[in-house]
Amino acid sequence: MGKNNAVYTFKKKENYVLKAEKTGCKTTTVVPTKTFDPTTLLGVLVDWGIISILVVDGAATGSWQKFNQTNFVIDPDC
């Protein structure tokens, strides 16, 4: 993503592996984890969740999951 500092916006449907590498140092790897986003259940009020939760949130956008952590500071192990 970049050298020194990097800013990136995660897409909920994708999975990521973050690495910090530096010559002469040990690489640090972090895998961001996801959990169920309870706001998805509001789709039950719209159409009993059939289209809004299963099709839109689940299959199309993946928005029924959210990342547990939104900011990461990763340094190589020197």
PDB file of N, CA and C in Angstrom:
ATOM      1  N   MET A   1       0.810  -1.201   0.000  1.00  0.00           N
ATOM      2  CA  MET A   1       0.000   0.000   0.000  1.00  0.00           C
ATOM      3  C   MET A   1       0.851   1.262   0.000  1.00  0.00           C
ATOM      4  N   GLY A   2       2.033   1.176   0.574  1.00  0.00           N
ATOM      5  CA  GLY A   2       2.852   2.367   0.585  1.00  0.00           C
ATOM      6  C   GLY A   2       4.107   2.177   1.412  1.00  0.00           C
ATOM      7  N   LYS A   3       4.931   3.187   1.397  1.00  0.00           N
ATOM      8  CA  LYS A   3       6.137   3.194   2.215  1.00  0.00           C
ATOM      9  C   LYS A   3       5.906   4.154   3.367  1.00  0.00           C
ATOM     10  N   ASN A   4       6.499   3.853   4.499  1.00  0.00           N
ATOM     11  CA  ASN A   4       6.344   4.642   5.721  1.00  0.00           C
ATOM     12  C   ASN A   4       4.909   4.571   6.221  1.00  0.00           C
ATOM     13  N   ASN A   5       4.051   5.517   5.882  1.00  0.00           N
ATOM     14  CA  ASN A   5       2.661   5.516   6.352  1.00  0.00           C
ATOM     15  C   ASN A   5       1.725   5.219   5.189  1.00  0.00           C
ATOM     16  N   ALA A   6       0.610   4.568   5.479  1.00  0.00           N
ATOM     17  CA  ALA A   6      -0.379   4.286   4.447  1.00  0.00           C
ATOM     18  C   ALA A   6      -1.775   4.386   5.037  1.00  0.00           C
ATOM     19  N   VAL A   7      -2.693   4.874   4.244  1.00  0.00           N
ATOM     20  CA  VAL A   7      -4.099   4.941   4.629  1.00  0.00           C
ATOM     21  C   VAL A   7      -4.876   4.213   3.542  1.00  0.00           C
ATOM     22  N   TYR A   8      -5.758   3.315   3.968  1.00  0.00           N
ATOM     23  CA  TYR A   8      -6.523   2.519   3.019  1.00  0.00           C
ATOM     24  C   TYR A   8      -7.913   2.288   3.584  1.00  0.00           C
ATOM     25  N   THR A   9      -8.926   2.323   2.748  1.00  0.00           N
ATOM     26  CA  THR A   9     -10.293   2.047   3.175  1.00  0.00           C
ATOM     27  C   THR A   9     -10.633   0.606   2.823  1.00  0.00           C
ATOM     28  N   PHE A  10     -10.984  -0.170   3.847  1.00  0.00           N
ATOM     29  CA  PHE A  10     -11.342  -1.567   3.645  1.00  0.00           C
ATOM     30  C   PHE A  10     -12.741  -1.675   3.056  1.00  0.00           C
ATOM     31  N   LYS A  11     -12.931  -2.663   2.203  1.00  0.00           N
ATOM     32  CA  LYS A  11     -14.259  -3.016   1.714  1.00  0.00           C
ATOM     33  C   LYS A  11     -14.751  -4.174   2.576  1.00  0.00           C
ATOM     34  N   LYS A  12     -15.983  -4.089   3.052  1.00  0.00           N
ATOM     35  CA  LYS A  12     -16.498  -5.092   3.987  1.00  0.00           C
ATOM     36  C   LYS A  12     -16.506  -6.496   3.416  1.00  0.00           C
ATOM     37  N   LYS A  13     -16.678  -6.625   2.111  1.00  0.00           N
ATOM     38  CA  LYS A  13     -16.793  -7.940   1.503  1.00  0.00           C
ATOM     39  C   LYS A  13     -15.436  -8.629   1.323  1.00  0.00           C
ATOM     40  N   GLU A  14     -14.349  -7.869   1.392  1.00  0.00           N
ATOM     41  CA  GLU A  14     -13.008  -8.403   1.159  1.00  0.00           C
ATOM     42  C   GLU A  14     -12.341  -8.827   2.468  1.00  0.00           C
ATOM     43  N   ASN A  15     -11.330  -9.677   2.342  1.00  0.00           N
ATOM     44  CA  ASN A  15     -10.485 -10.077   3.469  1.00  0.00           C
ATOM     45  C   ASN A  15      -9.086  -9.534   3.221  1.00  0.00           C
ATOM     46  N   TYR A  16      -8.390  -9.182   4.279  1.00  0.00           N
ATOM     47  CA  TYR A  16      -7.098  -8.527   4.144  1.00  0.00           C
ATOM     48  C   TYR A  16      -6.054  -9.168   5.055  1.00  0.00           C
ATOM     49  N   VAL A  17      -4.796  -9.023   4.643  1.00  0.00           N
ATOM     50  CA  VAL A  17      -3.643  -9.385   5.460  1.00  0.00           C
ATOM     51  C   VAL A  17      -2.718  -8.177   5.425  1.00  0.00           C
ATOM     52  N   LEU A  18      -2.396  -7.627   6.585  1.00  0.00           N
ATOM     53  CA  LEU A  18      -1.536  -6.454   6.672  1.00  0.00           C
ATOM     54  C   LEU A  18      -0.139  -6.889   7.086  1.00  0.00           C
ATOM     55  N   LYS A  19       0.866  -6.383   6.386  1.00  0.00           N
ATOM     56  CA  LYS A  19       2.248  -6.743   6.688  1.00  0.00           C
ATOM     57  C   LYS A  19       3.096  -5.489   6.779  1.00  0.00           C
ATOM     58  N   ALA A  20       4.022  -5.494   7.726  1.00  0.00           N
ATOM     59  CA  ALA A  20       5.039  -4.447   7.829  1.00  0.00           C
ATOM     60  C   ALA A  20       6.379  -5.125   7.638  1.00  0.00           C
ATOM     61  N   GLU A  21       7.110  -4.694   6.603  1.00  0.00           N
ATOM     62  CA  GLU A  21       8.391  -5.317   6.278  1.00  0.00           C
ATOM     63  C   GLU A  21       9.482  -4.254   6.237  1.00  0.00           C
ATOM     64  N   LYS A  22      10.668  -4.637   6.664  1.00  0.00           N
ATOM     65  CA  LYS A  22      11.828  -3.765   6.581  1.00  0.00           C
ATOM     66  C   LYS A  22      13.060  -4.650   6.471  1.00  0.00           C
ATOM     67  N   THR A  23      13.990  -4.255   5.630  1.00  0.00           N
ATOM     68  CA  THR A  23      15.206  -5.029   5.445  1.00  0.00           C
ATOM     69  C   THR A  23      15.939  -5.183   6.780  1.00  0.00           C
ATOM     70  N   GLY A  24      16.295  -6.413   7.109  1.00  0.00           N
ATOM     71  CA  GLY A  24      17.006  -6.697   8.347  1.00  0.00           C
ATOM     72  C   GLY A  24      16.106  -6.897   9.549  1.00  0.00           C
ATOM     73  N   CYS A  25      14.803  -6.788   9.361  1.00  0.00           N
ATOM     74  CA  CYS A  25      13.849  -6.953  10.461  1.00  0.00           C
ATOM     75  C   CYS A  25      12.906  -8.109  10.159  1.00  0.00           C
ATOM     76  N   LYS A  26      12.255  -8.586  11.201  1.00  0.00           N
ATOM     77  CA  LYS A  26      11.267  -9.646  11.063  1.00  0.00           C
ATOM     78  C   LYS A  26       9.927  -9.033  10.642  1.00  0.00           C
ATOM     79  N   THR A  27       9.266  -9.639   9.660  1.00  0.00           N
ATOM     80  CA  THR A  27       7.987  -9.138   9.159  1.00  0.00           C
ATOM     81  C   THR A  27       6.893  -9.322  10.202  1.00  0.00           C
ATOM     82  N   THR A  28       6.079  -8.289  10.381  1.00  0.00           N
ATOM     83  CA  THR A  28       4.920  -8.355  11.270  1.00  0.00           C
ATOM     84  C   THR A  28       3.672  -8.487  10.408  1.00  0.00           C
ATOM     85  N   THR A  29       2.823  -9.461  10.730  1.00  0.00           N
ATOM     86  CA  THR A  29       1.600  -9.712   9.962  1.00  0.00           C
ATOM     87  C   THR A  29       0.388  -9.618  10.878  1.00  0.00           C
ATOM     88  N   VAL A  30      -0.654  -8.933  10.415  1.00  0.00           N
ATOM     89  CA  VAL A  30      -1.908  -8.794  11.158  1.00  0.00           C
ATOM     90  C   VAL A  30      -3.051  -9.118  10.204  1.00  0.00           C
ATOM     91  N   VAL A  31      -4.002  -9.932  10.661  1.00  0.00           N
ATOM     92  CA  VAL A  31      -5.197 -10.254   9.878  1.00  0.00           C
ATOM     93  C   VAL A  31      -6.400  -9.611  10.578  1.00  0.00           C
ATOM     94  N   PRO A  32      -7.004  -8.578   9.973  1.00  0.00           N
ATOM     95  CA  PRO A  32      -8.182  -7.949  10.576  1.00  0.00           C
ATOM     96  C   PRO A  32      -9.348  -8.942  10.658  1.00  0.00           C
ATOM     97  N   THR A  33     -10.020  -8.980  11.791  1.00  0.00           N
ATOM     98  CA  THR A  33     -11.138  -9.906  11.986  1.00  0.00           C
ATOM     99  C   THR A  33     -12.476  -9.181  11.833  1.00  0.00           C
ATOM    100  N   LYS A  34     -13.512  -9.967  11.544  1.00  0.00           N
ATOM    101  CA  LYS A  34     -14.856  -9.423  11.340  1.00  0.00           C
ATOM    102  C   LYS A  34     -15.851 -10.115  12.271  1.00  0.00           C
ATOM    103  N   THR A  35     -16.937  -9.407  12.567  1.00  0.00           N
ATOM    104  CA  THR A  35     -18.061  -9.980  13.308  1.00  0.00           C
ATOM    105  C   THR A  35     -19.361  -9.548  12.629  1.00  0.00           C
ATOM    106  N   PHE A  36     -20.455 -10.126  13.063  1.00  0.00           N
ATOM    107  CA  PHE A  36     -21.781  -9.790  12.537  1.00  0.00           C
ATOM    108  C   PHE A  36     -22.149  -8.365  12.933  1.00  0.00           C
ATOM    109  N   ASP A  37     -22.678  -7.599  11.992  1.00  0.00           N
ATOM    110  CA  ASP A  37     -23.117  -6.229  12.257  1.00  0.00           C
ATOM    111  C   ASP A  37     -24.614  -6.248  12.562  1.00  0.00           C
ATOM    112  N   PRO A  38     -25.005  -5.999  13.828  1.00  0.00           N
ATOM    113  CA  PRO A  38     -26.414  -6.101  14.207  1.00  0.00           C
ATOM    114  C   PRO A  38     -27.337  -5.106  13.513  1.00  0.00           C
ATOM    115  N   THR A  39     -26.810  -4.014  12.955  1.00  0.00           N
ATOM    116  CA  THR A  39     -27.692  -3.083  12.241  1.00  0.00           C
ATOM    117  C   THR A  39     -28.298  -3.725  10.994  1.00  0.00           C
ATOM    118  N   THR A  40     -27.716  -4.815  10.549  1.00  0.00           N
ATOM    119  CA  THR A  40     -28.268  -5.561   9.414  1.00  0.00           C
ATOM    120  C   THR A  40     -29.689  -6.032   9.709  1.00  0.00           C
ATOM    121  N   LEU A  41     -29.976  -6.310  10.960  1.00  0.00           N
ATOM    122  CA  LEU A  41     -31.294  -6.825  11.337  1.00  0.00           C
ATOM    123  C   LEU A  41     -32.417  -5.814  11.119  1.00  0.00           C
ATOM    124  N   LEU A  42     -32.082  -4.546  10.894  1.00  0.00           N
ATOM    125  CA  LEU A  42     -33.112  -3.553  10.594  1.00  0.00           C
ATOM    126  C   LEU A  42     -33.819  -3.863   9.276  1.00  0.00           C
ATOM    127  N   GLY A  43     -33.206  -4.663   8.428  1.00  0.00           N
ATOM    128  CA  GLY A  43     -33.832  -5.081   7.179  1.00  0.00           C
ATOM    129  C   GLY A  43     -35.097  -5.886   7.401  1.00  0.00           C
ATOM    130  N   VAL A  44     -35.246  -6.468   8.572  1.00  0.00           N
ATOM    131  CA  VAL A  44     -36.458  -7.218   8.905  1.00  0.00           C
ATOM    132  C   VAL A  44     -37.662  -6.287   8.888  1.00  0.00           C
ATOM    133  N   LEU A  45     -37.459  -5.031   9.238  1.00  0.00           N
ATOM    134  CA  LEU A  45     -38.561  -4.066   9.252  1.00  0.00           C
ATOM    135  C   LEU A  45     -38.978  -3.647   7.837  1.00  0.00           C
ATOM    136  N   VAL A  46     -38.103  -3.800   6.875  1.00  0.00           N
ATOM    137  CA  VAL A  46     -38.399  -3.358   5.509  1.00  0.00           C
ATOM    138  C   VAL A  46     -39.160  -4.437   4.735  1.00  0.00           C
ATOM    139  N   ASP A  47     -38.581  -5.616   4.629  1.00  0.00           N
ATOM    140  CA  ASP A  47     -39.196  -6.675   3.820  1.00  0.00           C
ATOM    141  C   ASP A  47     -39.009  -8.043   4.482  1.00  0.00           C
ATOM    142  N   TRP A  48     -39.059  -8.066   5.775  1.00  0.00           N
ATOM    143  CA  TRP A  48     -38.827  -9.261   6.581  1.00  0.00           C
ATOM    144  C   TRP A  48     -37.415  -9.821   6.359  1.00  0.00           C
ATOM    145  N   GLY A  49     -36.537  -8.995   5.791  1.00  0.00           N
ATOM    146  CA  GLY A  49     -35.147  -9.378   5.613  1.00  0.00           C
ATOM    147  C   GLY A  49     -34.850 -10.246   4.414  1.00  0.00           C
ATOM    148  N   ILE A  50     -35.861 -10.587   3.656  1.00  0.00           N
ATOM    149  CA  ILE A  50     -35.654 -11.520   2.537  1.00  0.00           C
ATOM    150  C   ILE A  50     -34.724 -10.921   1.486  1.00  0.00           C
ATOM    151  N   ILE A  51     -35.036  -9.746   1.010  1.00  0.00           N
ATOM    152  CA  ILE A  51     -34.196  -9.105  -0.008  1.00  0.00           C
ATOM    153  C   ILE A  51     -33.101  -8.270   0.655  1.00  0.00           C
ATOM    154  N   SER A  52     -33.482  -7.431   1.616  1.00  0.00           N
ATOM    155  CA  SER A  52     -32.531  -6.485   2.198  1.00  0.00           C
ATOM    156  C   SER A  52     -31.381  -7.149   2.948  1.00  0.00           C
ATOM    157  N   ILE A  53     -31.620  -8.246   3.629  1.00  0.00           N
ATOM    158  CA  ILE A  53     -30.543  -8.905   4.378  1.00  0.00           C
ATOM    159  C   ILE A  53     -29.854  -9.970   3.528  1.00  0.00           C
ATOM    160  N   LEU A  54     -30.614 -10.912   3.010  1.00  0.00           N
ATOM    161  CA  LEU A  54     -29.998 -12.038   2.301  1.00  0.00           C
ATOM    162  C   LEU A  54     -29.341 -11.644   0.987  1.00  0.00           C
ATOM    163  N   VAL A  55     -30.017 -10.839   0.196  1.00  0.00           N
ATOM    164  CA  VAL A  55     -29.494 -10.517  -1.131  1.00  0.00           C
ATOM    165  C   VAL A  55     -28.545  -9.311  -1.083  1.00  0.00           C
ATOM    166  N   VAL A  56     -29.020  -8.199  -0.537  1.00  0.00           N
ATOM    167  CA  VAL A  56     -28.225  -6.968  -0.567  1.00  0.00           C
ATOM    168  C   VAL A  56     -27.070  -7.030   0.430  1.00  0.00           C
ATOM    169  N   ASP A  57     -27.370  -7.213   1.710  1.00  0.00           N
ATOM    170  CA  ASP A  57     -26.318  -7.196   2.738  1.00  0.00           C
ATOM    171  C   ASP A  57     -25.397  -8.407   2.653  1.00  0.00           C
ATOM    172  N   GLY A  58     -25.930  -9.556   2.363  1.00  0.00           N
ATOM    173  CA  GLY A  58     -25.112 -10.764   2.350  1.00  0.00           C
ATOM    174  C   GLY A  58     -24.374 -10.992   1.059  1.00  0.00           C
ATOM    175  N   ALA A  59     -25.109 -11.248  -0.003  1.00  0.00           N
ATOM    176  CA  ALA A  59     -24.489 -11.644  -1.260  1.00  0.00           C
ATOM    177  C   ALA A  59     -23.838 -10.485  -2.013  1.00  0.00           C
ATOM    178  N   ALA A  60     -24.492  -9.350  -2.081  1.00  0.00           N
ATOM    179  CA  ALA A  60     -23.993  -8.257  -2.920  1.00  0.00           C
ATOM    180  C   ALA A  60     -22.898  -7.425  -2.262  1.00  0.00           C
ATOM    181  N   THR A  61     -23.124  -6.955  -1.048  1.00  0.00           N
ATOM    182  CA  THR A  61     -22.186  -5.991  -0.444  1.00  0.00           C
ATOM    183  C   THR A  61     -21.359  -6.550   0.700  1.00  0.00           C
ATOM    184  N   GLY A  62     -21.815  -7.615   1.326  1.00  0.00           N
ATOM    185  CA  GLY A  62     -21.093  -8.159   2.479  1.00  0.00           C
ATOM    186  C   GLY A  62     -21.213  -7.290   3.720  1.00  0.00           C
ATOM    187  N   SER A  63     -22.177  -6.381   3.717  1.00  0.00           N
ATOM    188  CA  SER A  63     -22.268  -5.425   4.821  1.00  0.00           C
ATOM    189  C   SER A  63     -22.866  -6.009   6.099  1.00  0.00           C
ATOM    190  N   TRP A  64     -23.192  -7.283   6.114  1.00  0.00           N
ATOM    191  CA  TRP A  64     -23.671  -7.859   7.360  1.00  0.00           C
ATOM    192  C   TRP A  64     -22.501  -8.192   8.285  1.00  0.00           C
ATOM    193  N   GLN A  65     -21.299  -7.921   7.826  1.00  0.00           N
ATOM    194  CA  GLN A  65     -20.114  -8.071   8.667  1.00  0.00           C
ATOM    195  C   GLN A  65     -19.462  -6.708   8.859  1.00  0.00           C
ATOM    196  N   LYS A  66     -18.771  -6.542   9.978  1.00  0.00           N
ATOM    197  CA  LYS A  66     -18.002  -5.330  10.194  1.00  0.00           C
ATOM    198  C   LYS A  66     -16.648  -5.714  10.770  1.00  0.00           C
ATOM    199  N   PHE A  67     -15.663  -4.881  10.520  1.00  0.00           N
ATOM    200  CA  PHE A  67     -14.338  -5.118  11.067  1.00  0.00           C
ATOM    201  C   PHE A  67     -14.332  -4.765  12.543  1.00  0.00           C
ATOM    202  N   ASN A  68     -13.712  -5.611  13.370  1.00  0.00           N
ATOM    203  CA  ASN A  68     -13.645  -5.376  14.805  1.00  0.00           C
ATOM    204  C   ASN A  68     -12.769  -4.177  15.144  1.00  0.00           C
ATOM    205  N   GLN A  69     -11.792  -3.910  14.321  1.00  0.00           N
ATOM    206  CA  GLN A  69     -10.853  -2.830  14.570  1.00  0.00           C
ATOM    207  C   GLN A  69     -10.768  -1.991  13.301  1.00  0.00           C
ATOM    208  N   THR A  70     -10.733  -0.673  13.445  1.00  0.00           N
ATOM    209  CA  THR A  70     -10.734   0.192  12.273  1.00  0.00           C
ATOM    210  C   THR A  70      -9.398   0.877  12.021  1.00  0.00           C
ATOM    211  N   ASN A  71      -8.495   0.881  12.980  1.00  0.00           N
ATOM    212  CA  ASN A  71      -7.189   1.510  12.817  1.00  0.00           C
ATOM    213  C   ASN A  71      -6.099   0.531  13.220  1.00  0.00           C
ATOM    214  N   PHE A  72      -5.020   0.525  12.470  1.00  0.00           N
ATOM    215  CA  PHE A  72      -3.894  -0.365  12.775  1.00  0.00           C
ATOM    216  C   PHE A  72      -2.602   0.417  12.715  1.00  0.00           C
ATOM    217  N   VAL A  73      -1.728   0.177  13.673  1.00  0.00           N
ATOM    218  CA  VAL A  73      -0.362   0.689  13.631  1.00  0.00           C
ATOM    219  C   VAL A  73       0.515  -0.533  13.689  1.00  0.00           C
ATOM    220  N   ILE A  74       1.239  -0.788  12.608  1.00  0.00           N
ATOM    221  CA  ILE A  74       2.032  -2.015  12.507  1.00  0.00           C
ATOM    222  C   ILE A  74       3.473  -1.625  12.216  1.00  0.00           C
ATOM    223  N   ASP A  75       4.377  -2.141  13.018  1.00  0.00           N
ATOM    224  CA  ASP A  75       5.808  -1.903  12.820  1.00  0.00           C
ATOM    225  C   ASP A  75       6.507  -3.242  12.669  1.00  0.00           C
ATOM    226  N   PRO A  76       7.546  -3.309  11.825  1.00  0.00           N
ATOM    227  CA  PRO A  76       8.314  -4.539  11.748  1.00  0.00           C
ATOM    228  C   PRO A  76       9.062  -4.779  13.050  1.00  0.00           C
ATOM    229  N   ASP A  77       9.319  -6.037  13.367  1.00  0.00           N
ATOM    230  CA  ASP A  77       9.993  -6.412  14.606  1.00  0.00           C
ATOM    231  C   ASP A  77      11.503  -6.318  14.401  1.00  0.00           C
ATOM    232  N   CYS A  78      12.100  -5.207  14.844  1.00  0.00           N
ATOM    233  CA  CYS A  78      13.545  -4.998  14.675  1.00  0.00           C
ATOM    234  C   CYS A  78      14.296  -5.213  15.987  1.00  0.00           C
TER     235      CYS A  78
END
